[in-house]
Every structure is written in C-alpha cells, then in structure tokens.
Amino acid sequence: MDNKDIVALVTGGASGLGEATVIELVKKGAKVAIVDIDSAKGEKLAGTVGADAIFVNADVTSEADISKALRKIIDTFGKINVAVNCAGITNPGKIMSKKGPLPLDSFNKVLQLNLVGTLNVIRLAVEQMINNTPNVEGEKGVIVNTASIAAFDGQIGQAAYGASKGGIVGMTLPIARECADYGIRVVTIAPGLFETPLMAGLPPAVKEEMVKTIPFPRRLGKPAEFASLVIHIIENTMFNGCCIRLDAALRMPPK
C-alpha cells in the first residue's frame, strides 16, 4: 500500500505507542485520525502534526463512539483503509491477595477495553473498508493490533492483562482468514518492554532491574521502533494472519 494513499485510524493515539504511530504515519504522507479519550493530549498532538491529522474523542468499547469516529474520518478524508489498535490498560491484580479474590469487575474492565475494544474497532472498520477500491493486488485495507509478550509470558498479577492480550493473538488468524475474502489483512504486534507512559511511572530502580532481563539490545524499546514496524506491515503485503514479537528476545520471568 502506498503511504500517500493511507487514511488511518489509530486508537490510543494520543500517547505512547499510538502517538509514535500517528507521528510516523503523517511523516510518511498518510492522513490520520487520532482516536482517544484524552481530549487535551489528542487535540495537542493533532495540532502538532498538522492538517493531515484530526482528533476524535471516542471510547473503543462503544459502538456509537467508533461509528461516529469512522463517519468523521470518511467525511474528512474520503475513506479509511488502515486501523491501528493501540488502546489498552493493565490494571494488575493477583487471583488471591490480602483483600481476597480478584474482583470480577477488575478482570472484566481489562478484557472489555483491551480485547472487546479491539474487536469493536476491527468489525466496524472492516464494514467500511470493504467499500474501498482495491489496489493492484486486490488489497482494500490493513488492520494492525497491539498485543503484548504477556500473552505468552504473563507474570504473576497479569491474569487479566495476559488473557486480554492472548485473546487478541488468538483472534488474529481467524479474522485474517475471513477478511482475506475482502482484501483486508490483519496482523498483531506483541511488544516487550517499551518506553511508554506506563513505564515512565515506575521508579528508576525498578526499571533498571527490568532492563537487566532483556537479552539484546539491553534497553527499553522506543515507541518509534514500534511505529516503524507498523509502517512495514502496511507496506509489505505478505504480512497477514500473524503475531510478531517485538521484544529483543525477552522472555519474562514469573514475577
């Protein structure tokens, strides 16, 4: 897909991996809609990157919000052919703690946002993408999801997060197989430890210990490196139905 032909929606686009993806897409010549619930950050980013980006305040778990966001994107840019799902939360908690069993509300909150929210965006984006004019390879769209290596190496306290990200990995292939008939590719990235707002909130000593577990390069990943992979997935038509670990060979310990 030609970068200058891209009209993308990026959820969680106001910060972290999503923000880096927005910046890289615009830099490559794409039109981008920043979808987030943080209006202050979203509007600021849209103003920074220029006229090729708009901000839409939307909750990924809401059908009405995402439908509204898609209408705004199409009204502004004429179509949508890329969706990048970066919205997510962690909300760690043990199955049994001093306070008792893990609250179901806590577990459901993570699944609703990370897993159901991702599916909500996929299904509504596909509904619009199938109307696109295919390119020379018959391609109409690309969807890139964000899982985590916690889907495979979930640590103690990450039952909800690991389940939500494992669900994203698990639904990648069946959705890709179905969407193949529409000329739409579906790929998932599973990042390791990256320099995101979540990591920024940890004490320096904790981050140093975490970095020691990374084989090479022995550092946190840069959001721009995640964004670079998103661009490559969009450009390389052979990426489909797979999950790519972006983790510097990290395999997380139990805790």
C-alpha atoms as a PDB file:
ATOM      1  CA  MET A   1       0.000   0.000   0.000  1.00  0.00           C
ATOM      2  CA  ASP A   2       1.295   3.432  -0.995  1.00  0.00           C
ATOM      3  CA  ASN A   3       1.871   5.528   2.133  1.00  0.00           C
ATOM      4  CA  LYS A   4       0.373   8.607   0.470  1.00  0.00           C
ATOM      5  CA  ASP A   5      -2.852   6.649  -0.074  1.00  0.00           C
ATOM      6  CA  ILE A   6      -3.224   5.724   3.598  1.00  0.00           C
ATOM      7  CA  VAL A   7      -6.105   7.020   5.696  1.00  0.00           C
ATOM      8  CA  ALA A   8      -5.600   5.540   9.144  1.00  0.00           C
ATOM      9  CA  LEU A   9      -7.405   5.381  12.446  1.00  0.00           C
ATOM     10  CA  VAL A  10      -5.121   4.954  15.482  1.00  0.00           C
ATOM     11  CA  THR A  11      -6.737   4.137  18.815  1.00  0.00           C
ATOM     12  CA  GLY A  12      -4.868   5.150  21.935  1.00  0.00           C
ATOM     13  CA  GLY A  13      -3.290   7.598  19.527  1.00  0.00           C
ATOM     14  CA  ALA A  14      -2.720  10.447  21.973  1.00  0.00           C
ATOM     15  CA  SER A  15       0.218   8.889  23.819  1.00  0.00           C
ATOM     16  CA  GLY A  16       2.799   6.104  23.907  1.00  0.00           C
ATOM     17  CA  LEU A  17       2.908   3.607  21.045  1.00  0.00           C
ATOM     18  CA  GLY A  18      -0.174   5.148  19.446  1.00  0.00           C
ATOM     19  CA  GLU A  19       1.294   8.646  19.441  1.00  0.00           C
ATOM     20  CA  ALA A  20       4.528   7.407  17.841  1.00  0.00           C
ATOM     21  CA  THR A  21       2.481   5.620  15.187  1.00  0.00           C
ATOM     22  CA  VAL A  22       0.481   8.754  14.403  1.00  0.00           C
ATOM     23  CA  ILE A  23       3.673  10.805  14.016  1.00  0.00           C
ATOM     24  CA  GLU A  24       5.340   8.211  11.764  1.00  0.00           C
ATOM     25  CA  LEU A  25       2.266   7.762   9.563  1.00  0.00           C
ATOM     26  CA  VAL A  26       1.918  11.507   8.990  1.00  0.00           C
ATOM     27  CA  LYS A  27       5.647  11.766   8.341  1.00  0.00           C
ATOM     28  CA  LYS A  28       5.243   9.143   5.600  1.00  0.00           C
ATOM     29  CA  GLY A  29       2.444  11.111   3.941  1.00  0.00           C
ATOM     30  CA  ALA A  30      -0.650   9.424   5.410  1.00  0.00           C
ATOM     31  CA  LYS A  31      -3.849  11.028   6.698  1.00  0.00           C
ATOM     32  CA  VAL A  32      -4.565  10.018  10.304  1.00  0.00           C
ATOM     33  CA  ALA A  33      -7.389  10.144  12.825  1.00  0.00           C
ATOM     34  CA  ILE A  34      -6.211  10.133  16.447  1.00  0.00           C
ATOM     35  CA  VAL A  35      -8.825   8.261  18.485  1.00  0.00           C
ATOM     36  CA  ASP A  36      -8.525   8.585  22.261  1.00  0.00           C
ATOM     37  CA  ILE A  37     -10.457   9.564  25.385  1.00  0.00           C
ATOM     38  CA  ASP A  38      -7.822  12.132  26.392  1.00  0.00           C
ATOM     39  CA  SER A  39      -9.010  15.238  24.558  1.00  0.00           C
ATOM     40  CA  ALA A  40      -6.230  17.509  25.813  1.00  0.00           C
ATOM     41  CA  LYS A  41      -3.418  15.258  24.570  1.00  0.00           C
ATOM     42  CA  GLY A  42      -5.271  14.286  21.403  1.00  0.00           C
ATOM     43  CA  GLU A  43      -6.016  17.849  20.325  1.00  0.00           C
ATOM     44  CA  LYS A  44      -2.459  18.911  21.139  1.00  0.00           C
ATOM     45  CA  LEU A  45      -0.970  16.104  19.033  1.00  0.00           C
ATOM     46  CA  ALA A  46      -3.318  16.831  16.120  1.00  0.00           C
ATOM     47  CA  GLY A  47      -2.254  20.476  16.236  1.00  0.00           C
ATOM     48  CA  THR A  48       1.405  19.499  16.334  1.00  0.00           C
ATOM     49  CA  VAL A  49       1.395  17.111  13.361  1.00  0.00           C
ATOM     50  CA  GLY A  50      -0.694  19.434  11.178  1.00  0.00           C
ATOM     51  CA  ALA A  51      -3.599  19.330   8.755  1.00  0.00           C
ATOM     52  CA  ASP A  52      -3.126  15.654   7.882  1.00  0.00           C
ATOM     53  CA  ALA A  53      -4.384  14.626  11.332  1.00  0.00           C
ATOM     54  CA  ILE A  54      -7.660  15.059  13.182  1.00  0.00           C
ATOM     55  CA  PHE A  55      -8.634  14.138  16.736  1.00  0.00           C
ATOM     56  CA  VAL A  56     -11.770  12.214  17.634  1.00  0.00           C
ATOM     57  CA  ASN A  57     -12.748  11.665  21.265  1.00  0.00           C
ATOM     58  CA  ALA A  58     -14.044   8.102  21.390  1.00  0.00           C
ATOM     59  CA  ASP A  59     -14.208   5.097  23.718  1.00  0.00           C
ATOM     60  CA  VAL A  60     -13.144   1.933  21.865  1.00  0.00           C
ATOM     61  CA  THR A  61     -15.702  -0.143  23.772  1.00  0.00           C
ATOM     62  CA  SER A  62     -18.579   1.996  22.466  1.00  0.00           C
ATOM     63  CA  GLU A  63     -20.181   1.055  19.148  1.00  0.00           C
ATOM     64  CA  ALA A  64     -21.705   4.536  18.875  1.00  0.00           C
ATOM     65  CA  ASP A  65     -18.368   6.277  19.533  1.00  0.00           C
ATOM     66  CA  ILE A  66     -16.393   4.252  16.996  1.00  0.00           C
ATOM     67  CA  SER A  67     -19.146   4.508  14.379  1.00  0.00           C
ATOM     68  CA  LYS A  68     -19.114   8.282  14.885  1.00  0.00           C
ATOM     69  CA  ALA A  69     -15.310   8.353  14.619  1.00  0.00           C
ATOM     70  CA  LEU A  70     -15.386   6.388  11.355  1.00  0.00           C
ATOM     71  CA  ARG A  71     -18.007   8.725   9.902  1.00  0.00           C
ATOM     72  CA  LYS A  72     -15.854  11.728  10.790  1.00  0.00           C
ATOM     73  CA  ILE A  73     -12.764  10.149   9.215  1.00  0.00           C
ATOM     74  CA  ILE A  74     -14.591   9.308   5.993  1.00  0.00           C
ATOM     75  CA  ASP A  75     -16.264  12.735   5.846  1.00  0.00           C
ATOM     76  CA  THR A  76     -12.869  14.413   6.329  1.00  0.00           C
ATOM     77  CA  PHE A  77     -10.538  12.225   4.271  1.00  0.00           C
ATOM     78  CA  GLY A  78     -12.901  10.286   1.983  1.00  0.00           C
ATOM     79  CA  LYS A  79     -12.225   6.736   3.236  1.00  0.00           C
ATOM     80  CA  ILE A  80     -10.413   4.574   5.791  1.00  0.00           C
ATOM     81  CA  ASN A  81      -8.021   1.792   4.775  1.00  0.00           C
ATOM     82  CA  VAL A  82      -5.825   1.310   7.871  1.00  0.00           C
ATOM     83  CA  ALA A  83      -6.767   0.747  11.524  1.00  0.00           C
ATOM     84  CA  VAL A  84      -4.112   0.501  14.229  1.00  0.00           C
ATOM     85  CA  ASN A  85      -5.334  -0.628  17.660  1.00  0.00           C
ATOM     86  CA  CYS A  86      -3.106   0.700  20.455  1.00  0.00           C
ATOM     87  CA  ALA A  87      -5.663   1.492  23.177  1.00  0.00           C
ATOM     88  CA  GLY A  88      -5.220  -0.585  26.327  1.00  0.00           C
ATOM     89  CA  ILE A  89      -4.784  -0.746  30.097  1.00  0.00           C
ATOM     90  CA  THR A  90      -3.020  -3.070  32.550  1.00  0.00           C
ATOM     91  CA  ASN A  91      -4.804  -2.910  35.961  1.00  0.00           C
ATOM     92  CA  PRO A  92      -2.728  -5.698  37.604  1.00  0.00           C
ATOM     93  CA  GLY A  93      -4.114  -7.890  40.360  1.00  0.00           C
ATOM     94  CA  LYS A  94      -3.482 -11.319  41.873  1.00  0.00           C
ATOM     95  CA  ILE A  95      -6.113 -14.047  41.760  1.00  0.00           C
ATOM     96  CA  MET A  96      -5.859 -14.151  45.553  1.00  0.00           C
ATOM     97  CA  SER A  97      -4.487 -11.202  47.525  1.00  0.00           C
ATOM     98  CA  LYS A  98      -4.755  -9.965  51.114  1.00  0.00           C
ATOM     99  CA  LYS A  99      -8.018  -8.314  50.088  1.00  0.00           C
ATOM    100  CA  GLY A 100      -9.458 -11.603  48.822  1.00  0.00           C
ATOM    101  CA  PRO A 101     -10.175 -12.988  45.325  1.00  0.00           C
ATOM    102  CA  LEU A 102      -9.551 -10.851  42.260  1.00  0.00           C
ATOM    103  CA  PRO A 103     -12.700  -8.727  41.715  1.00  0.00           C
ATOM    104  CA  LEU A 104     -14.560  -9.742  38.565  1.00  0.00           C
ATOM    105  CA  ASP A 105     -15.171  -6.079  37.741  1.00  0.00           C
ATOM    106  CA  SER A 106     -11.404  -5.533  37.623  1.00  0.00           C
ATOM    107  CA  PHE A 107     -10.901  -8.525  35.319  1.00  0.00           C
ATOM    108  CA  ASN A 108     -13.805  -7.554  33.065  1.00  0.00           C
ATOM    109  CA  LYS A 109     -12.618  -3.950  32.770  1.00  0.00           C
ATOM    110  CA  VAL A 110      -9.305  -5.068  31.243  1.00  0.00           C
ATOM    111  CA  LEU A 111     -10.966  -7.543  28.876  1.00  0.00           C
ATOM    112  CA  GLN A 112     -13.570  -5.020  27.780  1.00  0.00           C
ATOM    113  CA  LEU A 113     -11.058  -2.338  26.883  1.00  0.00           C
ATOM    114  CA  ASN A 114      -8.162  -4.415  25.544  1.00  0.00           C
ATOM    115  CA  LEU A 115      -9.939  -7.314  23.841  1.00  0.00           C
ATOM    116  CA  VAL A 116     -13.546  -6.308  23.211  1.00  0.00           C
ATOM    117  CA  GLY A 117     -12.482  -2.754  22.348  1.00  0.00           C
ATOM    118  CA  THR A 118     -10.033  -4.085  19.752  1.00  0.00           C
ATOM    119  CA  LEU A 119     -12.699  -6.319  18.224  1.00  0.00           C
ATOM    120  CA  ASN A 120     -15.188  -3.444  18.191  1.00  0.00           C
ATOM    121  CA  VAL A 121     -12.814  -1.290  16.148  1.00  0.00           C
ATOM    122  CA  ILE A 122     -11.935  -4.184  13.815  1.00  0.00           C
ATOM    123  CA  ARG A 123     -15.522  -5.120  12.977  1.00  0.00           C
ATOM    124  CA  LEU A 124     -16.646  -1.540  12.334  1.00  0.00           C
ATOM    125  CA  ALA A 125     -13.514  -0.677  10.356  1.00  0.00           C
ATOM    126  CA  VAL A 126     -13.916  -3.770   8.175  1.00  0.00           C
ATOM    127  CA  GLU A 127     -17.506  -2.744   7.451  1.00  0.00           C
ATOM    128  CA  GLN A 128     -16.155   0.483   5.929  1.00  0.00           C
ATOM    129  CA  MET A 129     -13.015  -0.957   4.295  1.00  0.00           C
ATOM    130  CA  ILE A 130     -14.919  -3.429   2.149  1.00  0.00           C
ATOM    131  CA  ASN A 131     -16.299  -0.430   0.224  1.00  0.00           C
ATOM    132  CA  ASN A 132     -12.792   0.689  -0.817  1.00  0.00           C
ATOM    133  CA  THR A 133     -11.497   0.365  -4.355  1.00  0.00           C
ATOM    134  CA  PRO A 134      -8.871  -2.424  -4.311  1.00  0.00           C
ATOM    135  CA  ASN A 135      -5.283  -1.704  -5.345  1.00  0.00           C
ATOM    136  CA  VAL A 136      -3.416  -3.742  -7.977  1.00  0.00           C
ATOM    137  CA  GLU A 137      -3.049  -6.672  -5.534  1.00  0.00           C
ATOM    138  CA  GLY A 138      -6.704  -6.573  -4.592  1.00  0.00           C
ATOM    139  CA  GLU A 139      -5.976  -5.012  -1.202  1.00  0.00           C
ATOM    140  CA  LYS A 140      -8.624  -2.837   0.432  1.00  0.00           C
ATOM    141  CA  GLY A 141      -7.267  -2.406   3.935  1.00  0.00           C
ATOM    142  CA  VAL A 142      -4.875  -3.313   6.736  1.00  0.00           C
ATOM    143  CA  ILE A 143      -5.551  -3.795  10.443  1.00  0.00           C
ATOM    144  CA  VAL A 144      -2.703  -3.832  12.964  1.00  0.00           C
ATOM    145  CA  ASN A 145      -3.428  -4.856  16.558  1.00  0.00           C
ATOM    146  CA  THR A 146      -1.319  -4.472  19.685  1.00  0.00           C
ATOM    147  CA  ALA A 147      -0.974  -7.494  21.959  1.00  0.00           C
ATOM    148  CA  SER A 148       1.964  -7.980  24.355  1.00  0.00           C
ATOM    149  CA  ILE A 149       4.521 -10.622  25.200  1.00  0.00           C
ATOM    150  CA  ALA A 150       2.352 -11.020  28.312  1.00  0.00           C
ATOM    151  CA  ALA A 151       0.101 -13.040  26.003  1.00  0.00           C
ATOM    152  CA  PHE A 152       2.833 -15.721  26.096  1.00  0.00           C
ATOM    153  CA  ASP A 153       4.915 -14.919  29.206  1.00  0.00           C
ATOM    154  CA  GLY A 154       2.331 -13.402  31.534  1.00  0.00           C
ATOM    155  CA  GLN A 155       3.650 -12.697  35.002  1.00  0.00           C
ATOM    156  CA  ILE A 156       2.020 -13.121  38.399  1.00  0.00           C
ATOM    157  CA  GLY A 157      -0.671 -10.468  38.714  1.00  0.00           C
ATOM    158  CA  GLN A 158      -1.232 -10.295  34.954  1.00  0.00           C
ATOM    159  CA  ALA A 159      -4.097 -12.789  34.609  1.00  0.00           C
ATOM    160  CA  ALA A 160      -6.459 -10.164  33.188  1.00  0.00           C
ATOM    161  CA  TYR A 161      -3.841  -8.443  31.024  1.00  0.00           C
ATOM    162  CA  GLY A 162      -2.417 -11.743  29.745  1.00  0.00           C
ATOM    163  CA  ALA A 163      -5.899 -13.049  28.955  1.00  0.00           C
ATOM    164  CA  SER A 164      -6.858  -9.881  27.079  1.00  0.00           C
ATOM    165  CA  LYS A 165      -3.660  -9.828  25.023  1.00  0.00           C
ATOM    166  CA  GLY A 166      -3.793 -13.596  24.471  1.00  0.00           C
ATOM    167  CA  GLY A 167      -7.291 -13.087  23.114  1.00  0.00           C
ATOM    168  CA  ILE A 168      -6.018 -10.550  20.608  1.00  0.00           C
ATOM    169  CA  VAL A 169      -3.355 -13.022  19.441  1.00  0.00           C
ATOM    170  CA  GLY A 170      -5.906 -15.829  19.263  1.00  0.00           C
ATOM    171  CA  MET A 171      -8.407 -13.940  17.124  1.00  0.00           C
ATOM    172  CA  THR A 172      -5.806 -12.636  14.644  1.00  0.00           C
ATOM    173  CA  LEU A 173      -5.710 -15.667  12.341  1.00  0.00           C
ATOM    174  CA  PRO A 174      -9.457 -16.412  12.187  1.00  0.00           C
ATOM    175  CA  ILE A 175     -10.231 -12.752  11.437  1.00  0.00           C
ATOM    176  CA  ALA A 176      -7.436 -12.615   8.842  1.00  0.00           C
ATOM    177  CA  ARG A 177      -8.788 -15.741   7.164  1.00  0.00           C
ATOM    178  CA  GLU A 178     -12.280 -14.266   6.998  1.00  0.00           C
ATOM    179  CA  CYS A 179     -11.087 -10.839   5.846  1.00  0.00           C
ATOM    180  CA  ALA A 180      -8.936 -12.356   3.100  1.00  0.00           C
ATOM    181  CA  ASP A 181     -12.119 -12.588   1.036  1.00  0.00           C
ATOM    182  CA  TYR A 182     -12.463  -8.802   1.368  1.00  0.00           C
ATOM    183  CA  GLY A 183      -8.831  -7.982   0.542  1.00  0.00           C
ATOM    184  CA  ILE A 184      -8.109  -6.892   4.125  1.00  0.00           C
ATOM    185  CA  ARG A 185      -5.019  -8.036   6.049  1.00  0.00           C
ATOM    186  CA  VAL A 186      -4.880  -8.472   9.834  1.00  0.00           C
ATOM    187  CA  VAL A 187      -1.604  -8.535  11.797  1.00  0.00           C
ATOM    188  CA  THR A 188      -0.779  -8.315  15.505  1.00  0.00           C
ATOM    189  CA  ILE A 189       2.356  -6.958  17.177  1.00  0.00           C
ATOM    190  CA  ALA A 190       3.365  -8.229  20.622  1.00  0.00           C
ATOM    191  CA  PRO A 191       5.724  -5.625  22.127  1.00  0.00           C
ATOM    192  CA  GLY A 192       8.065  -6.286  25.015  1.00  0.00           C
ATOM    193  CA  LEU A 193       9.160  -3.552  27.410  1.00  0.00           C
ATOM    194  CA  PHE A 194       8.842  -0.127  25.798  1.00  0.00           C
ATOM    195  CA  GLU A 195       9.290   3.476  26.875  1.00  0.00           C
ATOM    196  CA  THR A 196       5.614   4.290  27.399  1.00  0.00           C
ATOM    197  CA  PRO A 197       3.762   6.434  29.973  1.00  0.00           C
ATOM    198  CA  LEU A 198       3.193   3.243  31.985  1.00  0.00           C
ATOM    199  CA  MET A 199       6.923   2.576  32.235  1.00  0.00           C
ATOM    200  CA  ALA A 200       7.657   6.239  32.933  1.00  0.00           C
ATOM    201  CA  GLY A 201       5.662   5.973  36.148  1.00  0.00           C
ATOM    202  CA  LEU A 202       7.879   3.232  37.605  1.00  0.00           C
ATOM    203  CA  PRO A 203      10.755   4.011  39.998  1.00  0.00           C
ATOM    204  CA  PRO A 204      14.159   4.140  38.227  1.00  0.00           C
ATOM    205  CA  ALA A 205      15.472   1.190  40.270  1.00  0.00           C
ATOM    206  CA  VAL A 206      12.551  -0.987  39.154  1.00  0.00           C
ATOM    207  CA  LYS A 207      13.123  -0.079  35.500  1.00  0.00           C
ATOM    208  CA  GLU A 208      16.825  -0.848  35.815  1.00  0.00           C
ATOM    209  CA  GLU A 209      16.064  -4.327  37.124  1.00  0.00           C
ATOM    210  CA  MET A 210      13.581  -4.933  34.304  1.00  0.00           C
ATOM    211  CA  VAL A 211      16.090  -3.846  31.670  1.00  0.00           C
ATOM    212  CA  LYS A 212      18.619  -6.354  33.022  1.00  0.00           C
ATOM    213  CA  THR A 213      16.294  -9.185  31.917  1.00  0.00           C
ATOM    214  CA  ILE A 214      16.375  -8.085  28.248  1.00  0.00           C
ATOM    215  CA  PRO A 215      18.962 -10.042  26.182  1.00  0.00           C
ATOM    216  CA  PHE A 216      19.777  -7.566  23.379  1.00  0.00           C
ATOM    217  CA  PRO A 217      19.602  -4.684  22.915  1.00  0.00           C
ATOM    218  CA  ARG A 218      19.611  -4.287  26.702  1.00  0.00           C
ATOM    219  CA  ARG A 219      17.293  -1.297  26.858  1.00  0.00           C
ATOM    220  CA  LEU A 220      13.632  -0.412  26.666  1.00  0.00           C
ATOM    221  CA  GLY A 221      12.125  -0.339  23.206  1.00  0.00           C
ATOM    222  CA  LYS A 222      11.462   3.046  21.643  1.00  0.00           C
ATOM    223  CA  PRO A 223       7.892   3.844  20.544  1.00  0.00           C
ATOM    224  CA  ALA A 224       9.321   4.923  17.175  1.00  0.00           C
ATOM    225  CA  GLU A 225      10.565   1.337  16.690  1.00  0.00           C
ATOM    226  CA  PHE A 226       7.029   0.041  17.185  1.00  0.00           C
ATOM    227  CA  ALA A 227       5.753   2.648  14.731  1.00  0.00           C
ATOM    228  CA  SER A 228       8.399   1.630  12.200  1.00  0.00           C
ATOM    229  CA  LEU A 229       7.114  -1.950  12.300  1.00  0.00           C
ATOM    230  CA  VAL A 230       3.542  -0.747  11.787  1.00  0.00           C
ATOM    231  CA  ILE A 231       4.671   1.079   8.645  1.00  0.00           C
ATOM    232  CA  HIS A 232       6.494  -2.013   7.368  1.00  0.00           C
ATOM    233  CA  ILE A 233       3.430  -4.204   7.946  1.00  0.00           C
ATOM    234  CA  ILE A 234       1.311  -1.769   5.948  1.00  0.00           C
ATOM    235  CA  GLU A 235       3.850  -1.696   3.107  1.00  0.00           C
ATOM    236  CA  ASN A 236       4.603  -5.446   2.987  1.00  0.00           C
ATOM    237  CA  THR A 237       1.568  -7.334   1.685  1.00  0.00           C
ATOM    238  CA  MET A 238       2.920 -10.736   2.767  1.00  0.00           C
ATOM    239  CA  PHE A 239       2.349  -9.921   6.429  1.00  0.00           C
ATOM    240  CA  ASN A 240      -1.049 -11.407   7.247  1.00  0.00           C
ATOM    241  CA  GLY A 241      -2.637 -13.527   9.962  1.00  0.00           C
ATOM    242  CA  CYS A 242       0.448 -13.495  12.173  1.00  0.00           C
ATOM    243  CA  CYS A 243       1.697 -12.180  15.509  1.00  0.00           C
ATOM    244  CA  ILE A 244       5.132 -10.553  15.561  1.00  0.00           C
ATOM    245  CA  ARG A 245       7.089 -10.361  18.829  1.00  0.00           C
ATOM    246  CA  LEU A 246       8.987  -7.085  19.134  1.00  0.00           C
ATOM    247  CA  ASP A 247      10.864  -7.771  22.358  1.00  0.00           C
ATOM    248  CA  ALA A 248      14.679  -8.003  21.954  1.00  0.00           C
ATOM    249  CA  ALA A 249      14.436 -11.755  22.774  1.00  0.00           C
ATOM    250  CA  LEU A 250      12.907 -11.081  26.197  1.00  0.00           C
ATOM    251  CA  ARG A 251      11.087 -13.935  27.920  1.00  0.00           C
ATOM    252  CA  MET A 252       9.559 -12.563  31.099  1.00  0.00           C
ATOM    253  CA  PRO A 253      10.161 -14.367  34.404  1.00  0.00           C
ATOM    254  CA  PRO A 254       7.240 -15.389  36.642  1.00  0.00           C
ATOM    255  CA  LYS A 255       7.462 -12.109  38.593  1.00  0.00           C
END
